[in-house]
Amino acid sequence: MTDETPDTRLLDLITGTPWIAELLAQFDFDLARAANGPAEPVRLPGGEPLEMIAGDASGGAFMLVGTGVERPVLYVGSEGEGGLVAAGLRDALALVVGISCIHDATAVPFGADGARLRDWLARTDEEIREYWPELDAERLRLRRALDLPEADGLLESLHRLAADEEYRPVSDAGDRYESMVVAPGA
């Protein structure tokens, strides 16, 4: 019997396959950034343990929450915003790989059917393709290698999870981080 969890196996696959780790870093999920921890120490109001697993170019941190078999993924931004992004690592990676970035996906409200958000993400992808024409092929390559679901089906849950106050990071000074999601009607 082993203590290995699906998240552990997925992280082992990433770290043990250099091209996957390198390509994820291009998608702004850089495991090497976890070595120094988040920009500032944070905790959750409920006291659940946090483990930083990756960072992004803006100084943000992706952190696993708790100690269960499947652990939610928290994003802690360097500008004082944060919240849950996915119920598990596989879904978090699907979002990281499948959309322009977590910041873009939370900059526009999901709305009734997500159409405005999807349109916004399509426009941001077009901008990325101007300097990264292989974007779609690289996404497909990672989705297949990591067995990731399509990101589109995770957008509504991203907005729901990111708005959950129980998982809003708190700084050592006791300041609660801002919500990552834009309020409806914005």
Protein backbone atom coordinates (compact mmCIF):
# COMPACT_ATOMS: atom_id res chain seq x y z
CA MET A 1 0.00 0.00 0.00
CA THR A 2 1.30 3.44 -0.86
CA ASP A 3 0.44 6.98 0.20
CA GLU A 4 0.59 8.07 -3.42
CA THR A 5 -2.42 10.15 -4.48
CA PRO A 6 -3.63 11.08 -7.97
CA ASP A 7 -2.12 14.54 -7.43
CA THR A 8 1.23 13.00 -6.43
CA ARG A 9 1.23 10.74 -9.48
CA LEU A 10 0.39 13.68 -11.73
CA LEU A 11 3.14 15.84 -10.22
CA ASP A 12 5.60 12.93 -10.52
CA LEU A 13 4.69 12.56 -14.20
CA ILE A 14 5.31 16.27 -14.75
CA THR A 15 8.62 16.39 -12.89
CA GLY A 16 9.77 13.11 -14.44
CA THR A 17 9.03 14.24 -17.99
CA PRO A 18 11.15 17.31 -18.75
CA TRP A 19 9.26 18.36 -21.89
CA ILE A 20 5.99 18.43 -19.92
CA ALA A 21 7.47 20.55 -17.12
CA GLU A 22 9.09 22.90 -19.66
CA LEU A 23 5.90 23.28 -21.69
CA LEU A 24 3.79 23.87 -18.56
CA ALA A 25 6.22 26.65 -17.63
CA GLN A 26 5.46 28.25 -21.01
CA PHE A 27 1.79 28.09 -20.02
CA ASP A 28 2.78 29.97 -16.81
CA PHE A 29 2.65 26.98 -14.44
CA ASP A 30 6.30 26.76 -13.43
CA LEU A 31 7.14 24.10 -10.83
CA ALA A 32 10.60 25.62 -10.30
CA ARG A 33 8.98 28.76 -8.83
CA ALA A 34 7.65 26.72 -5.89
CA ALA A 35 11.15 26.45 -4.38
CA ASN A 36 10.98 29.93 -2.84
CA GLY A 37 7.34 29.75 -1.75
CA PRO A 38 4.67 32.39 -2.34
CA ALA A 39 5.47 36.11 -2.51
CA GLU A 40 4.20 36.41 1.06
CA PRO A 41 3.14 33.80 3.61
CA VAL A 42 -0.61 33.12 3.53
CA ARG A 43 -3.10 30.94 5.33
CA LEU A 44 -6.74 30.04 4.91
CA PRO A 45 -9.41 31.10 7.41
CA GLY A 46 -10.09 27.42 8.23
CA GLY A 47 -6.42 26.67 8.83
CA GLU A 48 -6.08 23.99 6.13
CA PRO A 49 -2.47 23.22 5.21
CA LEU A 50 -1.16 24.71 1.97
CA GLU A 51 1.56 23.34 -0.30
CA MET A 52 2.92 25.50 -3.10
CA ILE A 53 3.42 23.44 -6.25
CA ALA A 54 4.02 26.07 -8.95
CA GLY A 55 4.21 29.76 -9.64
CA ASP A 56 3.53 32.10 -12.51
CA ALA A 57 5.46 34.97 -14.06
CA SER A 58 3.45 37.59 -12.16
CA GLY A 59 4.65 36.19 -8.81
CA GLY A 60 1.45 34.25 -8.15
CA ALA A 61 1.40 30.85 -6.47
CA PHE A 62 -0.58 27.68 -7.16
CA MET A 63 -1.10 25.78 -3.91
CA LEU A 64 -2.67 22.45 -3.00
CA VAL A 65 -5.11 22.73 -0.08
CA GLY A 66 -5.48 20.19 2.72
CA THR A 67 -4.26 16.62 2.97
CA GLY A 68 -6.98 14.58 1.25
CA VAL A 69 -6.74 12.27 -1.73
CA GLU A 70 -7.83 14.97 -4.17
CA ARG A 71 -6.87 18.42 -3.02
CA PRO A 72 -8.36 21.69 -4.26
CA VAL A 73 -6.00 24.16 -5.93
CA LEU A 74 -5.70 27.69 -4.57
CA TYR A 75 -4.24 30.61 -6.50
CA VAL A 76 -2.55 33.34 -4.48
CA GLY A 77 -1.75 36.41 -6.56
CA SER A 78 1.12 38.76 -5.89
CA GLU A 79 -1.24 41.75 -6.09
CA GLY A 80 -3.46 40.69 -3.17
CA GLU A 81 -6.04 38.61 -5.05
CA GLY A 82 -6.70 34.93 -4.60
CA GLY A 83 -9.07 32.02 -4.31
CA LEU A 84 -9.75 28.48 -5.37
CA VAL A 85 -9.34 27.79 -9.07
CA ALA A 86 -10.22 24.09 -9.24
CA ALA A 87 -11.47 21.17 -7.17
CA GLY A 88 -8.33 19.18 -8.07
CA LEU A 89 -4.94 19.41 -9.76
CA ARG A 90 -6.06 17.83 -13.05
CA ASP A 91 -8.80 20.48 -13.46
CA ALA A 92 -6.39 23.29 -12.49
CA LEU A 93 -3.94 22.10 -15.14
CA ALA A 94 -6.75 21.88 -17.69
CA LEU A 95 -7.50 25.56 -17.05
CA VAL A 96 -3.84 26.61 -17.13
CA VAL A 97 -3.31 24.81 -20.44
CA GLY A 98 -6.71 25.49 -22.01
CA ILE A 99 -7.16 29.24 -21.47
CA SER A 100 -4.93 32.26 -21.97
CA CYS A 101 -4.48 32.62 -18.19
CA ILE A 102 -6.36 32.43 -14.89
CA HIS A 103 -6.35 36.24 -14.71
CA ASP A 104 -8.07 36.54 -18.10
CA ALA A 105 -10.64 33.89 -17.14
CA THR A 106 -11.63 35.79 -14.00
CA ALA A 107 -11.51 39.31 -15.50
CA VAL A 108 -14.95 38.95 -17.09
CA PRO A 109 -17.99 37.62 -15.18
CA PHE A 110 -19.25 34.18 -16.20
CA GLY A 111 -22.79 35.51 -16.58
CA ALA A 112 -25.85 33.43 -17.42
CA ASP A 113 -24.24 31.23 -20.06
CA GLY A 114 -20.56 32.21 -20.15
CA ALA A 115 -20.81 33.55 -23.72
CA ARG A 116 -19.20 36.93 -22.96
CA LEU A 117 -16.35 35.23 -21.05
CA ARG A 118 -15.77 32.69 -23.84
CA ASP A 119 -15.68 35.49 -26.41
CA TRP A 120 -13.14 37.38 -24.28
CA LEU A 121 -10.95 34.25 -23.93
CA ALA A 122 -11.13 33.61 -27.68
CA ARG A 123 -9.85 37.15 -28.32
CA THR A 124 -7.00 36.73 -25.82
CA ASP A 125 -6.06 33.44 -27.48
CA GLU A 126 -5.92 35.16 -30.88
CA GLU A 127 -3.44 37.67 -29.45
CA ILE A 128 -1.30 34.84 -28.07
CA ARG A 129 -1.32 32.99 -31.41
CA GLU A 130 0.32 36.05 -33.02
CA TYR A 131 3.57 35.23 -31.22
CA TRP A 132 2.93 31.54 -30.43
CA PRO A 133 1.41 29.96 -33.56
CA GLU A 134 1.85 26.46 -32.09
CA LEU A 135 -0.48 27.27 -29.16
CA ASP A 136 -3.27 24.88 -30.13
CA ALA A 137 -0.90 22.03 -30.97
CA GLU A 138 0.97 22.48 -27.68
CA ARG A 139 -2.31 22.53 -25.74
CA LEU A 140 -3.40 19.30 -27.40
CA ARG A 141 -0.02 17.70 -26.71
CA LEU A 142 -0.26 18.51 -22.98
CA ARG A 143 -3.94 17.55 -22.72
CA ARG A 144 -3.14 14.13 -24.18
CA ALA A 145 0.01 13.57 -22.09
CA LEU A 146 -1.69 14.56 -18.83
CA ASP A 147 -5.21 13.28 -19.67
CA LEU A 148 -6.74 16.70 -19.09
CA PRO A 149 -10.39 17.61 -19.66
CA GLU A 150 -11.37 20.53 -21.89
CA ALA A 151 -11.04 23.86 -20.06
CA ASP A 152 -14.30 25.24 -21.43
CA GLY A 153 -16.37 22.96 -19.20
CA LEU A 154 -14.50 24.22 -16.12
CA LEU A 155 -15.07 27.97 -16.50
CA GLU A 156 -18.32 28.09 -14.53
CA SER A 157 -16.82 26.10 -11.64
CA LEU A 158 -13.72 28.34 -11.70
CA HIS A 159 -15.96 31.36 -11.07
CA ARG A 160 -17.98 29.58 -8.40
CA LEU A 161 -14.90 28.28 -6.58
CA ALA A 162 -12.95 31.54 -6.83
CA ALA A 163 -15.85 33.38 -5.17
CA ASP A 164 -15.89 31.01 -2.16
CA GLU A 165 -14.99 33.14 0.89
CA GLU A 166 -13.85 30.09 2.91
CA TYR A 167 -10.89 29.76 0.57
CA ARG A 168 -9.90 33.42 0.33
CA PRO A 169 -6.24 33.63 1.42
CA VAL A 170 -5.29 35.70 4.46
CA SER A 171 -1.87 37.34 4.88
CA ASP A 172 0.26 36.99 8.01
CA ALA A 173 -0.92 40.50 8.92
CA GLY A 174 -4.52 39.24 8.90
CA ASP A 175 -5.55 40.97 5.68
CA ARG A 176 -7.96 38.99 3.53
CA TYR A 177 -7.06 38.85 -0.16
CA GLU A 178 -9.41 40.30 -2.76
CA SER A 179 -11.65 38.12 -4.89
CA MET A 180 -10.20 37.06 -8.23
CA VAL A 181 -13.57 37.20 -9.97
CA VAL A 182 -15.20 40.31 -11.30
CA ALA A 183 -18.67 40.95 -9.91
CA PRO A 184 -21.61 40.27 -12.27
CA GLY A 185 -22.64 43.39 -14.16
CA ALA A 186 -19.05 44.65 -14.34
